[in-house]
């Protein structure tokens, strides 16, 4: 399964922007609402850091050697 890290960062940026708007809009609401939005913003910030770290440390692709016998075994397992 391939994960598109750039797409995740874009989604998190959009979510962070929406949360900032919500914090501005609901600044005068109940303290619980404000605390919940601030918590969500912290979690988005944390997720962005994790995705950015993963983008910086992409592992090199692994090349596997295939021998004559390995191909025969795979064919036998599929048959």
PDB file of N, CA and C in Angstrom:
ATOM      1  N   UNK A   1       0.842  -1.175   0.000  1.00  0.00           N
ATOM      2  CA  UNK A   1       0.000   0.000   0.000  1.00  0.00           C
ATOM      3  C   UNK A   1       0.891   1.243   0.000  1.00  0.00           C
ATOM      4  N   UNK A   2       0.620   2.159  -0.896  1.00  0.00           N
ATOM      5  CA  UNK A   2       1.390   3.386  -1.010  1.00  0.00           C
ATOM      6  C   UNK A   2       0.618   4.526  -0.362  1.00  0.00           C
ATOM      7  N   UNK A   3       1.312   5.293   0.438  1.00  0.00           N
ATOM      8  CA  UNK A   3       0.700   6.434   1.111  1.00  0.00           C
ATOM      9  C   UNK A   3       1.248   7.700   0.462  1.00  0.00           C
ATOM     10  N   UNK A   4       0.365   8.560  -0.001  1.00  0.00           N
ATOM     11  CA  UNK A   4       0.768   9.817  -0.622  1.00  0.00           C
ATOM     12  C   UNK A   4       0.956  10.857   0.483  1.00  0.00           C
ATOM     13  N   UNK A   5       2.210  11.085   0.858  1.00  0.00           N
ATOM     14  CA  UNK A   5       2.496  11.981   1.973  1.00  0.00           C
ATOM     15  C   UNK A   5       2.186  13.436   1.634  1.00  0.00           C
ATOM     16  N   UNK A   6       2.398  13.833   0.362  1.00  0.00           N
ATOM     17  CA  UNK A   6       2.073  15.206  -0.020  1.00  0.00           C
ATOM     18  C   UNK A   6       0.576  15.467   0.114  1.00  0.00           C
ATOM     19  N   UNK A   7      -0.222  14.474  -0.262  1.00  0.00           N
ATOM     20  CA  UNK A   7      -1.676  14.609  -0.140  1.00  0.00           C
ATOM     21  C   UNK A   7      -2.087  14.702   1.330  1.00  0.00           C
ATOM     22  N   UNK A   8      -1.427  13.923   2.179  1.00  0.00           N
ATOM     23  CA  UNK A   8      -1.718  14.004   3.612  1.00  0.00           C
ATOM     24  C   UNK A   8      -1.381  15.384   4.160  1.00  0.00           C
ATOM     25  N   UNK A   9      -0.228  15.934   3.744  1.00  0.00           N
ATOM     26  CA  UNK A   9       0.147  17.271   4.213  1.00  0.00           C
ATOM     27  C   UNK A   9      -0.849  18.324   3.746  1.00  0.00           C
ATOM     28  N   UNK A  10      -1.322  18.204   2.519  1.00  0.00           N
ATOM     29  CA  UNK A  10      -2.315  19.152   2.010  1.00  0.00           C
ATOM     30  C   UNK A  10      -3.602  19.060   2.834  1.00  0.00           C
ATOM     31  N   UNK A  11      -4.047  17.842   3.094  1.00  0.00           N
ATOM     32  CA  UNK A  11      -5.249  17.649   3.904  1.00  0.00           C
ATOM     33  C   UNK A  11      -5.066  18.251   5.297  1.00  0.00           C
ATOM     34  N   UNK A  12      -3.912  17.997   5.917  1.00  0.00           N
ATOM     35  CA  UNK A  12      -3.662  18.517   7.260  1.00  0.00           C
ATOM     36  C   UNK A  12      -3.570  20.039   7.257  1.00  0.00           C
ATOM     37  N   UNK A  13      -3.020  20.619   6.199  1.00  0.00           N
ATOM     38  CA  UNK A  13      -2.966  22.083   6.094  1.00  0.00           C
ATOM     39  C   UNK A  13      -4.368  22.666   5.993  1.00  0.00           C
ATOM     40  N   UNK A  14      -5.212  22.034   5.175  1.00  0.00           N
ATOM     41  CA  UNK A  14      -6.603  22.490   5.056  1.00  0.00           C
ATOM     42  C   UNK A  14      -7.336  22.360   6.388  1.00  0.00           C
ATOM     43  N   UNK A  15      -7.094  21.261   7.073  1.00  0.00           N
ATOM     44  CA  UNK A  15      -7.733  21.036   8.370  1.00  0.00           C
ATOM     45  C   UNK A  15      -7.250  22.053   9.397  1.00  0.00           C
ATOM     46  N   UNK A  16      -5.963  22.356   9.378  1.00  0.00           N
ATOM     47  CA  UNK A  16      -5.414  23.343  10.299  1.00  0.00           C
ATOM     48  C   UNK A  16      -6.026  24.726  10.046  1.00  0.00           C
ATOM     49  N   UNK A  17      -6.198  25.063   8.783  1.00  0.00           N
ATOM     50  CA  UNK A  17      -6.817  26.346   8.431  1.00  0.00           C
ATOM     51  C   UNK A  17      -8.268  26.403   8.917  1.00  0.00           C
ATOM     52  N   UNK A  18      -8.991  25.311   8.736  1.00  0.00           N
ATOM     53  CA  UNK A  18     -10.383  25.257   9.192  1.00  0.00           C
ATOM     54  C   UNK A  18     -10.467  25.364  10.714  1.00  0.00           C
ATOM     55  N   UNK A  19      -9.539  24.731  11.407  1.00  0.00           N
ATOM     56  CA  UNK A  19      -9.534  24.817  12.870  1.00  0.00           C
ATOM     57  C   UNK A  19      -9.196  26.230  13.339  1.00  0.00           C
ATOM     58  N   UNK A  20      -8.280  26.896  12.655  1.00  0.00           N
ATOM     59  CA  UNK A  20      -7.948  28.278  13.012  1.00  0.00           C
ATOM     60  C   UNK A  20      -9.172  29.174  12.828  1.00  0.00           C
ATOM     61  N   UNK A  21      -9.909  28.963  11.735  1.00  0.00           N
ATOM     62  CA  UNK A  21     -11.145  29.726  11.516  1.00  0.00           C
ATOM     63  C   UNK A  21     -12.165  29.435  12.612  1.00  0.00           C
ATOM     64  N   UNK A  22     -12.291  28.171  12.970  1.00  0.00           N
ATOM     65  CA  UNK A  22     -13.249  27.783  14.010  1.00  0.00           C
ATOM     66  C   UNK A  22     -12.860  28.381  15.359  1.00  0.00           C
ATOM     67  N   UNK A  23     -11.563  28.412  15.656  1.00  0.00           N
ATOM     68  CA  UNK A  23     -11.116  29.014  16.917  1.00  0.00           C
ATOM     69  C   UNK A  23     -11.460  30.500  16.958  1.00  0.00           C
ATOM     70  N   UNK A  24     -11.327  31.171  15.831  1.00  0.00           N
ATOM     71  CA  UNK A  24     -11.684  32.592  15.768  1.00  0.00           C
ATOM     72  C   UNK A  24     -13.188  32.773  15.920  1.00  0.00           C
ATOM     73  N   UNK A  25     -13.931  31.945  15.218  1.00  0.00           N
ATOM     74  CA  UNK A  25     -15.393  32.059  15.227  1.00  0.00           C
ATOM     75  C   UNK A  25     -15.979  31.733  16.601  1.00  0.00           C
ATOM     76  N   UNK A  26     -15.450  30.704  17.253  1.00  0.00           N
ATOM     77  CA  UNK A  26     -16.022  30.246  18.519  1.00  0.00           C
ATOM     78  C   UNK A  26     -15.204  30.690  19.734  1.00  0.00           C
ATOM     79  N   UNK A  27     -14.451  31.770  19.598  1.00  0.00           N
ATOM     80  CA  UNK A  27     -13.606  32.250  20.698  1.00  0.00           C
ATOM     81  C   UNK A  27     -14.427  32.612  21.930  1.00  0.00           C
ATOM     82  N   UNK A  28     -15.646  33.065  21.712  1.00  0.00           N
ATOM     83  CA  UNK A  28     -16.500  33.488  22.828  1.00  0.00           C
ATOM     84  C   UNK A  28     -17.436  32.386  23.307  1.00  0.00           C
ATOM     85  N   UNK A  29     -17.337  31.203  22.735  1.00  0.00           N
ATOM     86  CA  UNK A  29     -18.192  30.080  23.139  1.00  0.00           C
ATOM     87  C   UNK A  29     -17.711  29.522  24.477  1.00  0.00           C
ATOM     88  N   UNK A  30     -18.230  28.391  24.820  1.00  0.00           N
ATOM     89  CA  UNK A  30     -17.887  27.761  26.096  1.00  0.00           C
ATOM     90  C   UNK A  30     -16.406  27.370  26.130  1.00  0.00           C
ATOM     91  N   UNK A  31     -15.844  27.337  27.332  1.00  0.00           N
ATOM     92  CA  UNK A  31     -14.436  26.932  27.467  1.00  0.00           C
ATOM     93  C   UNK A  31     -14.188  25.503  26.974  1.00  0.00           C
ATOM     94  N   UNK A  32     -15.206  24.642  27.096  1.00  0.00           N
ATOM     95  CA  UNK A  32     -15.052  23.260  26.628  1.00  0.00           C
ATOM     96  C   UNK A  32     -14.871  23.208  25.117  1.00  0.00           C
ATOM     97  N   UNK A  33     -15.654  24.011  24.414  1.00  0.00           N
ATOM     98  CA  UNK A  33     -15.575  24.059  22.950  1.00  0.00           C
ATOM     99  C   UNK A  33     -14.200  24.562  22.514  1.00  0.00           C
ATOM    100  N   UNK A  34     -13.737  25.618  23.162  1.00  0.00           N
ATOM    101  CA  UNK A  34     -12.429  26.187  22.836  1.00  0.00           C
ATOM    102  C   UNK A  34     -11.316  25.184  23.133  1.00  0.00           C
ATOM    103  N   UNK A  35     -11.410  24.503  24.265  1.00  0.00           N
ATOM    104  CA  UNK A  35     -10.399  23.510  24.631  1.00  0.00           C
ATOM    105  C   UNK A  35     -10.379  22.355  23.637  1.00  0.00           C
ATOM    106  N   UNK A  36     -11.558  21.943  23.182  1.00  0.00           N
ATOM    107  CA  UNK A  36     -11.639  20.857  22.207  1.00  0.00           C
ATOM    108  C   UNK A  36     -10.989  21.258  20.882  1.00  0.00           C
ATOM    109  N   UNK A  37     -11.267  22.470  20.426  1.00  0.00           N
ATOM    110  CA  UNK A  37     -10.670  22.949  19.176  1.00  0.00           C
ATOM    111  C   UNK A  37      -9.155  23.101  19.297  1.00  0.00           C
ATOM    112  N   UNK A  38      -8.688  23.579  20.440  1.00  0.00           N
ATOM    113  CA  UNK A  38      -7.241  23.712  20.654  1.00  0.00           C
ATOM    114  C   UNK A  38      -6.567  22.346  20.683  1.00  0.00           C
ATOM    115  N   UNK A  39      -7.230  21.366  21.293  1.00  0.00           N
ATOM    116  CA  UNK A  39      -6.698  20.002  21.312  1.00  0.00           C
ATOM    117  C   UNK A  39      -6.589  19.459  19.886  1.00  0.00           C
ATOM    118  N   UNK A  40      -7.641  19.666  19.094  1.00  0.00           N
ATOM    119  CA  UNK A  40      -7.626  19.186  17.712  1.00  0.00           C
ATOM    120  C   UNK A  40      -6.506  19.866  16.922  1.00  0.00           C
ATOM    121  N   UNK A  41      -6.281  21.134  17.157  1.00  0.00           N
ATOM    122  CA  UNK A  41      -5.212  21.862  16.465  1.00  0.00           C
ATOM    123  C   UNK A  41      -3.846  21.302  16.847  1.00  0.00           C
ATOM    124  N   UNK A  42      -3.652  20.989  18.122  1.00  0.00           N
ATOM    125  CA  UNK A  42      -2.378  20.388  18.553  1.00  0.00           C
ATOM    126  C   UNK A  42      -2.161  19.032  17.890  1.00  0.00           C
ATOM    127  N   UNK A  43      -3.221  18.247  17.778  1.00  0.00           N
ATOM    128  CA  UNK A  43      -3.110  16.932  17.142  1.00  0.00           C
ATOM    129  C   UNK A  43      -2.787  17.060  15.650  1.00  0.00           C
ATOM    130  N   UNK A  44      -3.365  18.047  14.989  1.00  0.00           N
ATOM    131  CA  UNK A  44      -3.051  18.289  13.577  1.00  0.00           C
ATOM    132  C   UNK A  44      -1.588  18.710  13.440  1.00  0.00           C
ATOM    133  N   UNK A  45      -1.119  19.571  14.336  1.00  0.00           N
ATOM    134  CA  UNK A  45       0.293  19.978  14.310  1.00  0.00           C
ATOM    135  C   UNK A  45       1.207  18.768  14.495  1.00  0.00           C
ATOM    136  N   UNK A  46       0.842  17.897  15.413  1.00  0.00           N
ATOM    137  CA  UNK A  46       1.637  16.689  15.665  1.00  0.00           C
ATOM    138  C   UNK A  46       1.642  15.789  14.426  1.00  0.00           C
ATOM    139  N   UNK A  47       0.486  15.620  13.811  1.00  0.00           N
ATOM    140  CA  UNK A  47       0.393  14.784  12.611  1.00  0.00           C
ATOM    141  C   UNK A  47       1.223  15.373  11.475  1.00  0.00           C
ATOM    142  N   UNK A  48       1.212  16.687  11.330  1.00  0.00           N
ATOM    143  CA  UNK A  48       2.022  17.331  10.280  1.00  0.00           C
ATOM    144  C   UNK A  48       3.501  17.081  10.503  1.00  0.00           C
ATOM    145  N   UNK A  49       3.949  17.147  11.761  1.00  0.00           N
ATOM    146  CA  UNK A  49       5.363  16.878  12.058  1.00  0.00           C
ATOM    147  C   UNK A  49       5.727  15.442  11.695  1.00  0.00           C
ATOM    148  N   UNK A  50       4.843  14.505  12.015  1.00  0.00           N
ATOM    149  CA  UNK A  50       5.100  13.094  11.716  1.00  0.00           C
ATOM    150  C   UNK A  50       5.189  12.874  10.213  1.00  0.00           C
ATOM    151  N   UNK A  51       4.246  13.436   9.461  1.00  0.00           N
ATOM    152  CA  UNK A  51       4.258  13.271   8.000  1.00  0.00           C
ATOM    153  C   UNK A  51       5.505  13.923   7.410  1.00  0.00           C
ATOM    154  N   UNK A  52       5.864  15.110   7.891  1.00  0.00           N
ATOM    155  CA  UNK A  52       7.061  15.793   7.388  1.00  0.00           C
ATOM    156  C   UNK A  52       8.313  14.971   7.680  1.00  0.00           C
ATOM    157  N   UNK A  53       8.393  14.371   8.863  1.00  0.00           N
ATOM    158  CA  UNK A  53       9.535  13.509   9.194  1.00  0.00           C
ATOM    159  C   UNK A  53       9.601  12.308   8.268  1.00  0.00           C
ATOM    160  N   UNK A  54       8.454  11.721   7.967  1.00  0.00           N
ATOM    161  CA  UNK A  54       8.420  10.574   7.059  1.00  0.00           C
ATOM    162  C   UNK A  54       8.856  10.967   5.659  1.00  0.00           C
ATOM    163  N   UNK A  55       8.485  12.170   5.237  1.00  0.00           N
ATOM    164  CA  UNK A  55       8.889  12.636   3.908  1.00  0.00           C
ATOM    165  C   UNK A  55      10.397  12.842   3.845  1.00  0.00           C
ATOM    166  N   UNK A  56      10.980  13.317   4.950  1.00  0.00           N
ATOM    167  CA  UNK A  56      12.422  13.559   4.991  1.00  0.00           C
ATOM    168  C   UNK A  56      13.227  12.276   5.057  1.00  0.00           C
ATOM    169  N   UNK A  57      12.641  11.217   5.596  1.00  0.00           N
ATOM    170  CA  UNK A  57      13.395   9.976   5.800  1.00  0.00           C
ATOM    171  C   UNK A  57      12.829   8.825   4.991  1.00  0.00           C
ATOM    172  N   UNK A  58      12.520   9.077   3.710  1.00  0.00           N
ATOM    173  CA  UNK A  58      12.021   8.001   2.859  1.00  0.00           C
ATOM    174  C   UNK A  58      13.138   6.988   2.650  1.00  0.00           C
ATOM    175  N   UNK A  59      12.863   5.715   2.915  1.00  0.00           N
ATOM    176  CA  UNK A  59      13.896   4.698   2.704  1.00  0.00           C
ATOM    177  C   UNK A  59      14.139   4.477   1.213  1.00  0.00           C
ATOM    178  N   UNK A  60      15.360   4.056   0.914  1.00  0.00           N
ATOM    179  CA  UNK A  60      15.702   3.734  -0.472  1.00  0.00           C
ATOM    180  C   UNK A  60      14.957   2.471  -0.875  1.00  0.00           C
ATOM    181  N   UNK A  61      14.539   2.387  -2.128  1.00  0.00           N
ATOM    182  CA  UNK A  61      13.834   1.179  -2.564  1.00  0.00           C
ATOM    183  C   UNK A  61      14.731  -0.052  -2.450  1.00  0.00           C
ATOM    184  N   UNK A  62      14.119  -1.141  -2.057  1.00  0.00           N
ATOM    185  CA  UNK A  62      14.853  -2.387  -1.863  1.00  0.00           C
ATOM    186  C   UNK A  62      14.790  -3.189  -3.150  1.00  0.00           C
ATOM    187  N   UNK A  63      15.966  -3.594  -3.624  1.00  0.00           N
ATOM    188  CA  UNK A  63      16.012  -4.451  -4.800  1.00  0.00           C
ATOM    189  C   UNK A  63      16.208  -5.873  -4.330  1.00  0.00           C
ATOM    190  N   UNK A  64      15.408  -6.751  -4.873  1.00  0.00           N
ATOM    191  CA  UNK A  64      15.515  -8.159  -4.501  1.00  0.00           C
ATOM    192  C   UNK A  64      16.092  -8.933  -5.663  1.00  0.00           C
ATOM    193  N   UNK A  65      16.978  -9.817  -5.328  1.00  0.00           N
ATOM    194  CA  UNK A  65      17.551 -10.679  -6.357  1.00  0.00           C
ATOM    195  C   UNK A  65      16.637 -11.862  -6.563  1.00  0.00           C
ATOM    196  N   UNK A  66      16.462 -12.197  -7.797  1.00  0.00           N
ATOM    197  CA  UNK A  66      15.655 -13.371  -8.106  1.00  0.00           C
ATOM    198  C   UNK A  66      16.526 -14.351  -8.868  1.00  0.00           C
ATOM    199  N   UNK A  67      16.525 -15.502  -8.371  1.00  0.00           N
ATOM    200  CA  UNK A  67      17.274 -16.557  -9.050  1.00  0.00           C
ATOM    201  C   UNK A  67      16.338 -17.457  -9.822  1.00  0.00           C
ATOM    202  N   UNK A  68      16.932 -18.386 -10.511  1.00  0.00           N
ATOM    203  CA  UNK A  68      16.142 -19.313 -11.310  1.00  0.00           C
ATOM    204  C   UNK A  68      15.222 -20.141 -10.429  1.00  0.00           C
ATOM    205  N   UNK A  69      15.709 -20.536  -9.278  1.00  0.00           N
ATOM    206  CA  UNK A  69      14.915 -21.397  -8.399  1.00  0.00           C
ATOM    207  C   UNK A  69      13.785 -20.627  -7.721  1.00  0.00           C
ATOM    208  N   UNK A  70      14.014 -19.378  -7.400  1.00  0.00           N
ATOM    209  CA  UNK A  70      12.971 -18.575  -6.769  1.00  0.00           C
ATOM    210  C   UNK A  70      11.769 -18.403  -7.676  1.00  0.00           C
ATOM    211  N   UNK A  71      12.016 -18.208  -8.968  1.00  0.00           N
ATOM    212  CA  UNK A  71      10.915 -18.064  -9.915  1.00  0.00           C
ATOM    213  C   UNK A  71      10.131 -19.362 -10.028  1.00  0.00           C
ATOM    214  N   UNK A  72      10.834 -20.497 -10.046  1.00  0.00           N
ATOM    215  CA  UNK A  72      10.160 -21.789 -10.139  1.00  0.00           C
ATOM    216  C   UNK A  72       9.288 -22.037  -8.916  1.00  0.00           C
ATOM    217  N   UNK A  73       9.785 -21.666  -7.749  1.00  0.00           N
ATOM    218  CA  UNK A  73       9.030 -21.888  -6.516  1.00  0.00           C
ATOM    219  C   UNK A  73       7.763 -21.032  -6.501  1.00  0.00           C
ATOM    220  N   UNK A  74       7.868 -19.802  -6.966  1.00  0.00           N
ATOM    221  CA  UNK A  74       6.711 -18.927  -6.979  1.00  0.00           C
ATOM    222  C   UNK A  74       5.655 -19.473  -7.939  1.00  0.00           C
ATOM    223  N   UNK A  75       6.085 -19.960  -9.084  1.00  0.00           N
ATOM    224  CA  UNK A  75       5.142 -20.537 -10.040  1.00  0.00           C
ATOM    225  C   UNK A  75       4.454 -21.757  -9.448  1.00  0.00           C
ATOM    226  N   UNK A  76       5.190 -22.561  -8.712  1.00  0.00           N
ATOM    227  CA  UNK A  76       4.613 -23.759  -8.110  1.00  0.00           C
ATOM    228  C   UNK A  76       3.592 -23.379  -7.037  1.00  0.00           C
ATOM    229  N   UNK A  77       3.878 -22.324  -6.292  1.00  0.00           N
ATOM    230  CA  UNK A  77       2.965 -21.903  -5.234  1.00  0.00           C
ATOM    231  C   UNK A  77       1.681 -21.314  -5.815  1.00  0.00           C
ATOM    232  N   UNK A  78       1.776 -20.687  -6.970  1.00  0.00           N
ATOM    233  CA  UNK A  78       0.608 -20.074  -7.585  1.00  0.00           C
ATOM    234  C   UNK A  78      -0.254 -21.115  -8.272  1.00  0.00           C
ATOM    235  N   UNK A  79       0.349 -22.127  -8.835  1.00  0.00           N
ATOM    236  CA  UNK A  79      -0.394 -23.140  -9.613  1.00  0.00           C
ATOM    237  C   UNK A  79      -1.376 -23.910  -8.777  1.00  0.00           C
TER     238      UNK A  79
END
